[in-house]
Every structure is written in C-alpha cells, then in structure tokens.
Amino acid sequence: MGDTRKVYIGFDGEFSGPFNVRKHYLIALGLVAVLEDGTEIGHLRVCMKPPTPEHVIDPHTRATYWERPGMPAVLEAFQREAVAPTDAMRRVVEFIDGYVRNYGLKNVHLVCDCTADATWLDHYLGEFAGAQSLICYGGEYTGWPLVADDFYQGITGTLGLWGMTDTMRVVYKIEDVPRATHDPEDDAREIVGVFVRVLRGRGAEISHMNKTRD
C-alpha cells in the first residue's frame, strides 16, 4: 500500500490575454506540490510556444501587464524556455500522475485561486494532453479533485476566487509564505502555501468550536 498522506498541488498560469482559445494562449504554467504540513515535495514550470501563428499577445494585456517594469524581461525568459504545448502538457500530466500513483487518487488535490487559471489548465489538458476536460468548475481533472473553489466558498460565501490568496493572508495572518513574483512556479508556491495554512487554521477553529460546545 502506498503513502496515504494528502498532497496539494498549487498551480498558476501566465497568459497572453483573456481566455480565448482561438486568439490567446498559455505562456507559462507553474505547479508546486506540498503535503498537509506544508512540506514541499515537488515543483514544475513549463513555458509554451503559441499553438499557431494566430495565437498572439493581446494588445491590452501587453500594455497593462507585460510592459510593466520588469515584466518584459520575464516574458523574454519564458519565451526562451518555450516548448510545444504538447510537450509541456505531457510533463504536467506526468508530474501530477506521479503523485496519484504514489499517494492514491483520492489524496491528490489541485489548488488555485483564480478561475482563469483553472479554465486555461482545463483547456490545455484536454487539447494538448488528451486528458479528461473539467466538466464544471469544482469538478475533476482526470480524477484529480479541484478543491479550492468549494473550500474558499465555505469561508467567504462567494465563487469569485480572484485575489483569494491575498484575502486569506489577511484573515489568517499568514506571513511565513513567500509572496508571488509573477513567475508561475513562485506564484503556485504562494497559493498552495497559503492554502495549507488556511486548512490548519480552519482545523484549529473547528476544534475550538467543538470544545466550546462540549
């Protein structure tokens, strides 16, 4: 029998524009895997070429995001590392499936804090890796439960996840997790690091409530 501890895989993407599979594309994707106690057990960053010459950087996104101070150099670094989407997504599936094999399907969870990231990952998994598409947000990626949506909705009462990591930092006074840098691997590390600390905080709250009721 394999290891039965829970694994949380945070993911974050950088895009060429709003979700539009005919015009825009996923530039880079980062994933970071941790155990429940926050111990990091793996990480991956993949950078991707546009699927076709018609897939470009949206002018508004370039002006408001990729042309900010420091960001042109970041984009150039991603473009130097870029490989075909099929090659990149094969590595992503192998990365996640490795944890599924070692820890069991029910113990591996994907975590994000923005629905756009989930939408892009869903499309790229189906289009370039032949993986099962996400039927609805909060469903499953090839059997990997996507937990962030329902989890954070239970705290905030909202399905809007944009900025949820920053919100939870304030709510749970989390200072020991490195902050995002716009490298998707670093950003995924922040997302999942905050997530597991919120898990810990909620566990303490529930334990306290139960003791109060007794």
C-alpha atoms as a PDB file:
ATOM      1  CA  MET A   1       0.000   0.000   0.000  1.00  0.00           C
ATOM      2  CA  GLY A   2       1.343   3.432  -0.938  1.00  0.00           C
ATOM      3  CA  ASP A   3       1.644   6.607   1.087  1.00  0.00           C
ATOM      4  CA  THR A   4      -1.827   7.818   2.082  1.00  0.00           C
ATOM      5  CA  ARG A   5      -0.998  11.368   3.122  1.00  0.00           C
ATOM      6  CA  LYS A   6      -2.803  14.172   1.302  1.00  0.00           C
ATOM      7  CA  VAL A   7      -0.978  16.089  -1.416  1.00  0.00           C
ATOM      8  CA  TYR A   8      -1.996  19.567  -2.531  1.00  0.00           C
ATOM      9  CA  ILE A   9      -0.722  20.822  -5.886  1.00  0.00           C
ATOM     10  CA  GLY A  10      -0.974  24.556  -6.352  1.00  0.00           C
ATOM     11  CA  PHE A  11      -0.950  25.856  -9.911  1.00  0.00           C
ATOM     12  CA  ASP A  12      -0.722  29.246 -11.552  1.00  0.00           C
ATOM     13  CA  GLY A  13      -0.578  30.382 -15.154  1.00  0.00           C
ATOM     14  CA  GLU A  14       0.583  33.353 -17.181  1.00  0.00           C
ATOM     15  CA  PHE A  15      -1.495  34.092 -20.271  1.00  0.00           C
ATOM     16  CA  SER A  16      -1.279  36.141 -23.441  1.00  0.00           C
ATOM     17  CA  GLY A  17      -4.756  37.582 -22.870  1.00  0.00           C
ATOM     18  CA  PRO A  18      -8.292  36.811 -21.660  1.00  0.00           C
ATOM     19  CA  PHE A  19      -9.490  33.270 -22.228  1.00  0.00           C
ATOM     20  CA  ASN A  20      -9.987  32.852 -25.972  1.00  0.00           C
ATOM     21  CA  VAL A  21      -8.702  29.594 -27.428  1.00  0.00           C
ATOM     22  CA  ARG A  22      -8.590  30.991 -30.969  1.00  0.00           C
ATOM     23  CA  LYS A  23      -6.561  34.123 -30.217  1.00  0.00           C
ATOM     24  CA  HIS A  24      -4.669  33.787 -26.941  1.00  0.00           C
ATOM     25  CA  TYR A  25      -2.545  31.151 -25.266  1.00  0.00           C
ATOM     26  CA  LEU A  26      -0.998  29.919 -22.052  1.00  0.00           C
ATOM     27  CA  ILE A  27       2.532  31.312 -21.878  1.00  0.00           C
ATOM     28  CA  ALA A  28       3.759  29.585 -18.725  1.00  0.00           C
ATOM     29  CA  LEU A  29       2.422  27.280 -16.037  1.00  0.00           C
ATOM     30  CA  GLY A  30       3.810  26.542 -12.593  1.00  0.00           C
ATOM     31  CA  LEU A  31       2.903  23.732 -10.196  1.00  0.00           C
ATOM     32  CA  VAL A  32       4.091  23.130  -6.636  1.00  0.00           C
ATOM     33  CA  ALA A  33       3.204  20.028  -4.600  1.00  0.00           C
ATOM     34  CA  VAL A  34       3.123  20.042  -0.803  1.00  0.00           C
ATOM     35  CA  LEU A  35       1.982  17.759   1.989  1.00  0.00           C
ATOM     36  CA  GLU A  36      -0.645  18.806   4.538  1.00  0.00           C
ATOM     37  CA  ASP A  37       2.029  20.225   6.841  1.00  0.00           C
ATOM     38  CA  GLY A  38       3.317  22.452   4.048  1.00  0.00           C
ATOM     39  CA  THR A  39       6.424  20.408   3.235  1.00  0.00           C
ATOM     40  CA  GLU A  40       7.252  20.911  -0.434  1.00  0.00           C
ATOM     41  CA  ILE A  41       7.748  17.637  -2.297  1.00  0.00           C
ATOM     42  CA  GLY A  42       7.967  18.774  -5.902  1.00  0.00           C
ATOM     43  CA  HIS A  43       7.694  21.622  -8.377  1.00  0.00           C
ATOM     44  CA  LEU A  44       7.485  22.169 -12.104  1.00  0.00           C
ATOM     45  CA  ARG A  45       7.497  25.101 -14.506  1.00  0.00           C
ATOM     46  CA  VAL A  46       6.733  24.791 -18.196  1.00  0.00           C
ATOM     47  CA  CYS A  47       6.774  27.553 -20.798  1.00  0.00           C
ATOM     48  CA  MET A  48       4.886  27.208 -24.045  1.00  0.00           C
ATOM     49  CA  LYS A  49       5.035  28.442 -27.599  1.00  0.00           C
ATOM     50  CA  PRO A  50       1.860  29.756 -29.235  1.00  0.00           C
ATOM     51  CA  PRO A  51      -0.092  26.816 -30.691  1.00  0.00           C
ATOM     52  CA  THR A  52      -0.346  28.621 -34.065  1.00  0.00           C
ATOM     53  CA  PRO A  53       0.796  31.939 -35.575  1.00  0.00           C
ATOM     54  CA  GLU A  54      -2.754  33.217 -34.967  1.00  0.00           C
ATOM     55  CA  HIS A  55      -2.265  32.928 -31.179  1.00  0.00           C
ATOM     56  CA  VAL A  56      -0.792  36.239 -30.061  1.00  0.00           C
ATOM     57  CA  ILE A  57      -0.421  38.508 -27.048  1.00  0.00           C
ATOM     58  CA  ASP A  58      -3.472  40.690 -26.598  1.00  0.00           C
ATOM     59  CA  PRO A  59      -2.507  44.386 -27.068  1.00  0.00           C
ATOM     60  CA  HIS A  60      -4.327  45.481 -23.909  1.00  0.00           C
ATOM     61  CA  THR A  61      -2.731  42.693 -21.854  1.00  0.00           C
ATOM     62  CA  ARG A  62       0.677  43.612 -23.216  1.00  0.00           C
ATOM     63  CA  ALA A  63       0.216  47.293 -22.377  1.00  0.00           C
ATOM     64  CA  THR A  64      -1.226  46.800 -18.894  1.00  0.00           C
ATOM     65  CA  TYR A  65       0.703  43.721 -17.752  1.00  0.00           C
ATOM     66  CA  TRP A  66       3.646  42.607 -19.875  1.00  0.00           C
ATOM     67  CA  GLU A  67       5.035  46.132 -20.332  1.00  0.00           C
ATOM     68  CA  ARG A  68       5.069  46.967 -16.632  1.00  0.00           C
ATOM     69  CA  PRO A  69       8.539  47.479 -15.102  1.00  0.00           C
ATOM     70  CA  GLY A  70      10.455  44.213 -15.049  1.00  0.00           C
ATOM     71  CA  MET A  71       7.852  42.222 -16.955  1.00  0.00           C
ATOM     72  CA  PRO A  72       9.400  42.410 -20.467  1.00  0.00           C
ATOM     73  CA  ALA A  73      12.437  40.517 -19.133  1.00  0.00           C
ATOM     74  CA  VAL A  74      10.139  37.941 -17.524  1.00  0.00           C
ATOM     75  CA  LEU A  75       8.288  37.426 -20.797  1.00  0.00           C
ATOM     76  CA  GLU A  76      11.554  37.077 -22.719  1.00  0.00           C
ATOM     77  CA  ALA A  77      12.743  34.413 -20.273  1.00  0.00           C
ATOM     78  CA  PHE A  78       9.505  32.470 -20.723  1.00  0.00           C
ATOM     79  CA  GLN A  79       9.811  32.709 -24.499  1.00  0.00           C
ATOM     80  CA  ARG A  80      13.404  31.421 -24.433  1.00  0.00           C
ATOM     81  CA  GLU A  81      12.281  28.343 -22.482  1.00  0.00           C
ATOM     82  CA  ALA A  82       9.159  27.758 -24.549  1.00  0.00           C
ATOM     83  CA  VAL A  83       8.408  24.331 -25.981  1.00  0.00           C
ATOM     84  CA  ALA A  84       5.459  22.969 -27.920  1.00  0.00           C
ATOM     85  CA  PRO A  85       2.250  22.812 -25.835  1.00  0.00           C
ATOM     86  CA  THR A  86       2.027  19.034 -26.342  1.00  0.00           C
ATOM     87  CA  ASP A  87       5.486  18.536 -24.834  1.00  0.00           C
ATOM     88  CA  ALA A  88       4.780  20.884 -21.936  1.00  0.00           C
ATOM     89  CA  MET A  89       1.420  19.381 -21.054  1.00  0.00           C
ATOM     90  CA  ARG A  90       2.816  15.863 -21.225  1.00  0.00           C
ATOM     91  CA  ARG A  91       5.228  16.890 -18.455  1.00  0.00           C
ATOM     92  CA  VAL A  92       2.354  18.413 -16.453  1.00  0.00           C
ATOM     93  CA  VAL A  93       0.285  15.222 -16.632  1.00  0.00           C
ATOM     94  CA  GLU A  94       3.311  13.090 -15.721  1.00  0.00           C
ATOM     95  CA  PHE A  95       4.018  15.396 -12.764  1.00  0.00           C
ATOM     96  CA  ILE A  96       0.507  15.111 -11.335  1.00  0.00           C
ATOM     97  CA  ASP A  97       0.038  11.431 -12.150  1.00  0.00           C
ATOM     98  CA  GLY A  98       3.252  10.623 -10.316  1.00  0.00           C
ATOM     99  CA  TYR A  99       1.629  11.797  -7.086  1.00  0.00           C
ATOM    100  CA  VAL A 100      -1.583   9.949  -7.922  1.00  0.00           C
ATOM    101  CA  ARG A 101       0.396   6.717  -8.243  1.00  0.00           C
ATOM    102  CA  ASN A 102       2.326   7.259  -5.024  1.00  0.00           C
ATOM    103  CA  TYR A 103      -0.374   8.725  -2.788  1.00  0.00           C
ATOM    104  CA  GLY A 104      -3.644   7.496  -4.275  1.00  0.00           C
ATOM    105  CA  LEU A 105      -6.201   9.299  -6.409  1.00  0.00           C
ATOM    106  CA  LYS A 106      -8.399  10.490  -3.528  1.00  0.00           C
ATOM    107  CA  ASN A 107      -5.431  12.071  -1.755  1.00  0.00           C
ATOM    108  CA  VAL A 108      -4.191  14.329  -4.566  1.00  0.00           C
ATOM    109  CA  HIS A 109      -5.857  17.719  -4.909  1.00  0.00           C
ATOM    110  CA  LEU A 110      -5.321  20.674  -7.249  1.00  0.00           C
ATOM    111  CA  VAL A 111      -5.489  24.176  -5.800  1.00  0.00           C
ATOM    112  CA  CYS A 112      -5.735  27.579  -7.483  1.00  0.00           C
ATOM    113  CA  ASP A 113      -7.065  30.997  -6.515  1.00  0.00           C
ATOM    114  CA  CYS A 114      -8.353  32.221  -9.871  1.00  0.00           C
ATOM    115  CA  THR A 115     -10.949  30.691 -12.166  1.00  0.00           C
ATOM    116  CA  ALA A 116      -8.990  31.892 -15.218  1.00  0.00           C
ATOM    117  CA  ASP A 117      -6.085  29.620 -14.271  1.00  0.00           C
ATOM    118  CA  ALA A 118      -8.440  26.641 -13.943  1.00  0.00           C
ATOM    119  CA  THR A 119     -10.074  27.417 -17.288  1.00  0.00           C
ATOM    120  CA  TRP A 120      -6.756  27.624 -19.133  1.00  0.00           C
ATOM    121  CA  LEU A 121      -5.393  24.488 -17.473  1.00  0.00           C
ATOM    122  CA  ASP A 122      -8.588  22.634 -18.292  1.00  0.00           C
ATOM    123  CA  HIS A 123      -8.385  23.599 -21.962  1.00  0.00           C
ATOM    124  CA  TYR A 124      -4.696  22.765 -22.293  1.00  0.00           C
ATOM    125  CA  LEU A 125      -5.073  19.391 -20.576  1.00  0.00           C
ATOM    126  CA  GLY A 126      -7.836  18.407 -22.983  1.00  0.00           C
ATOM    127  CA  GLU A 127      -6.409  19.983 -26.128  1.00  0.00           C
ATOM    128  CA  PHE A 128      -2.743  19.085 -25.800  1.00  0.00           C
ATOM    129  CA  ALA A 129      -2.558  16.117 -23.421  1.00  0.00           C
ATOM    130  CA  GLY A 130      -5.749  14.256 -24.226  1.00  0.00           C
ATOM    131  CA  ALA A 131      -6.791  14.450 -20.587  1.00  0.00           C
ATOM    132  CA  GLN A 132     -10.409  14.500 -19.474  1.00  0.00           C
ATOM    133  CA  SER A 133     -11.821  18.008 -19.536  1.00  0.00           C
ATOM    134  CA  LEU A 134     -13.197  19.728 -16.486  1.00  0.00           C
ATOM    135  CA  ILE A 135     -16.991  19.496 -16.806  1.00  0.00           C
ATOM    136  CA  CYS A 136     -17.686  22.323 -14.387  1.00  0.00           C
ATOM    137  CA  TYR A 137     -15.552  24.319 -12.008  1.00  0.00           C
ATOM    138  CA  GLY A 138     -15.261  22.397  -8.765  1.00  0.00           C
ATOM    139  CA  GLY A 139     -15.311  19.114 -10.691  1.00  0.00           C
ATOM    140  CA  GLU A 140     -12.383  16.899 -11.543  1.00  0.00           C
ATOM    141  CA  TYR A 141      -9.339  16.996 -13.800  1.00  0.00           C
ATOM    142  CA  THR A 142      -8.806  13.411 -14.935  1.00  0.00           C
ATOM    143  CA  GLY A 143      -9.960  12.393 -11.481  1.00  0.00           C
ATOM    144  CA  TRP A 144      -7.893  14.970  -9.591  1.00  0.00           C
ATOM    145  CA  PRO A 145     -10.306  16.892  -7.291  1.00  0.00           C
ATOM    146  CA  LEU A 146     -10.068  20.656  -7.626  1.00  0.00           C
ATOM    147  CA  VAL A 147     -10.681  21.747  -4.068  1.00  0.00           C
ATOM    148  CA  ALA A 148     -10.100  25.485  -3.882  1.00  0.00           C
ATOM    149  CA  ASP A 149     -13.482  26.655  -5.150  1.00  0.00           C
ATOM    150  CA  ASP A 150     -15.757  24.847  -2.700  1.00  0.00           C
ATOM    151  CA  PHE A 151     -13.268  25.282   0.121  1.00  0.00           C
ATOM    152  CA  TYR A 152     -12.993  29.049  -0.154  1.00  0.00           C
ATOM    153  CA  GLN A 153     -16.696  29.438  -0.864  1.00  0.00           C
ATOM    154  CA  GLY A 154     -17.266  27.891   2.558  1.00  0.00           C
ATOM    155  CA  ILE A 155     -15.233  30.713   4.090  1.00  0.00           C
ATOM    156  CA  THR A 156     -16.396  33.677   2.044  1.00  0.00           C
ATOM    157  CA  GLY A 157     -19.745  32.692   0.550  1.00  0.00           C
ATOM    158  CA  THR A 158     -18.550  33.649  -2.910  1.00  0.00           C
ATOM    159  CA  LEU A 159     -17.408  31.795  -6.016  1.00  0.00           C
ATOM    160  CA  GLY A 160     -15.065  34.625  -7.021  1.00  0.00           C
ATOM    161  CA  LEU A 161     -11.548  33.424  -6.247  1.00  0.00           C
ATOM    162  CA  TRP A 162      -9.598  36.330  -7.709  1.00  0.00           C
ATOM    163  CA  GLY A 163      -7.219  37.587  -5.036  1.00  0.00           C
ATOM    164  CA  MET A 164      -8.292  34.898  -2.573  1.00  0.00           C
ATOM    165  CA  THR A 165      -4.704  34.166  -1.558  1.00  0.00           C
ATOM    166  CA  ASP A 166      -4.180  37.779  -0.506  1.00  0.00           C
ATOM    167  CA  THR A 167      -7.521  37.786   1.325  1.00  0.00           C
ATOM    168  CA  MET A 168      -6.671  34.636   3.269  1.00  0.00           C
ATOM    169  CA  ARG A 169      -3.243  36.037   4.171  1.00  0.00           C
ATOM    170  CA  VAL A 170      -5.045  38.841   5.993  1.00  0.00           C
ATOM    171  CA  VAL A 171      -7.795  36.710   7.544  1.00  0.00           C
ATOM    172  CA  TYR A 172      -5.361  34.130   8.948  1.00  0.00           C
ATOM    173  CA  LYS A 173      -2.384  36.479   9.470  1.00  0.00           C
ATOM    174  CA  ILE A 174      -0.096  34.392   7.273  1.00  0.00           C
ATOM    175  CA  GLU A 175       3.373  35.927   6.948  1.00  0.00           C
ATOM    176  CA  ASP A 176       5.711  32.934   6.584  1.00  0.00           C
ATOM    177  CA  VAL A 177       4.827  32.063   2.969  1.00  0.00           C
ATOM    178  CA  PRO A 178       6.936  33.732   0.250  1.00  0.00           C
ATOM    179  CA  ARG A 179       4.956  36.130  -1.900  1.00  0.00           C
ATOM    180  CA  ALA A 180       4.267  35.844  -5.615  1.00  0.00           C
ATOM    181  CA  THR A 181       6.846  37.131  -8.107  1.00  0.00           C
ATOM    182  CA  HIS A 182       4.950  36.649 -11.413  1.00  0.00           C
ATOM    183  CA  ASP A 183       6.986  33.525 -12.037  1.00  0.00           C
ATOM    184  CA  PRO A 184       4.131  30.972 -12.105  1.00  0.00           C
ATOM    185  CA  GLU A 185       6.127  28.479 -10.046  1.00  0.00           C
ATOM    186  CA  ASP A 186       6.684  31.056  -7.288  1.00  0.00           C
ATOM    187  CA  ASP A 187       3.039  32.107  -7.525  1.00  0.00           C
ATOM    188  CA  ALA A 188       1.853  28.493  -7.273  1.00  0.00           C
ATOM    189  CA  ARG A 189       4.085  28.091  -4.216  1.00  0.00           C
ATOM    190  CA  GLU A 190       2.380  31.061  -2.561  1.00  0.00           C
ATOM    191  CA  ILE A 191      -1.107  29.827  -3.478  1.00  0.00           C
ATOM    192  CA  VAL A 192      -0.668  26.327  -2.089  1.00  0.00           C
ATOM    193  CA  GLY A 193       1.392  27.535   0.882  1.00  0.00           C
ATOM    194  CA  VAL A 194      -1.381  29.870   1.972  1.00  0.00           C
ATOM    195  CA  PHE A 195      -3.990  27.192   1.277  1.00  0.00           C
ATOM    196  CA  VAL A 196      -2.489  24.586   3.603  1.00  0.00           C
ATOM    197  CA  ARG A 197      -2.080  27.174   6.341  1.00  0.00           C
ATOM    198  CA  VAL A 198      -5.741  28.100   5.979  1.00  0.00           C
ATOM    199  CA  LEU A 199      -6.546  24.389   6.286  1.00  0.00           C
ATOM    200  CA  ARG A 200      -4.568  24.346   9.504  1.00  0.00           C
ATOM    201  CA  GLY A 201      -6.286  27.496  10.753  1.00  0.00           C
ATOM    202  CA  ARG A 202      -9.757  26.196   9.998  1.00  0.00           C
ATOM    203  CA  GLY A 203      -8.910  22.927  11.728  1.00  0.00           C
ATOM    204  CA  ALA A 204      -7.950  24.836  14.859  1.00  0.00           C
ATOM    205  CA  GLU A 205     -11.161  26.891  14.663  1.00  0.00           C
ATOM    206  CA  ILE A 206     -13.334  23.789  14.329  1.00  0.00           C
ATOM    207  CA  SER A 207     -11.502  22.100  17.202  1.00  0.00           C
ATOM    208  CA  HIS A 208     -12.054  25.184  19.369  1.00  0.00           C
ATOM    209  CA  MET A 209     -15.763  25.319  18.473  1.00  0.00           C
ATOM    210  CA  ASN A 210     -16.189  21.651  19.309  1.00  0.00           C
ATOM    211  CA  LYS A 211     -14.523  22.122  22.708  1.00  0.00           C
ATOM    212  CA  THR A 212     -16.762  25.124  23.369  1.00  0.00           C
ATOM    213  CA  ARG A 213     -19.862  23.059  22.670  1.00  0.00           C
ATOM    214  CA  ASP A 214     -18.771  20.222  24.990  1.00  0.00           C
END
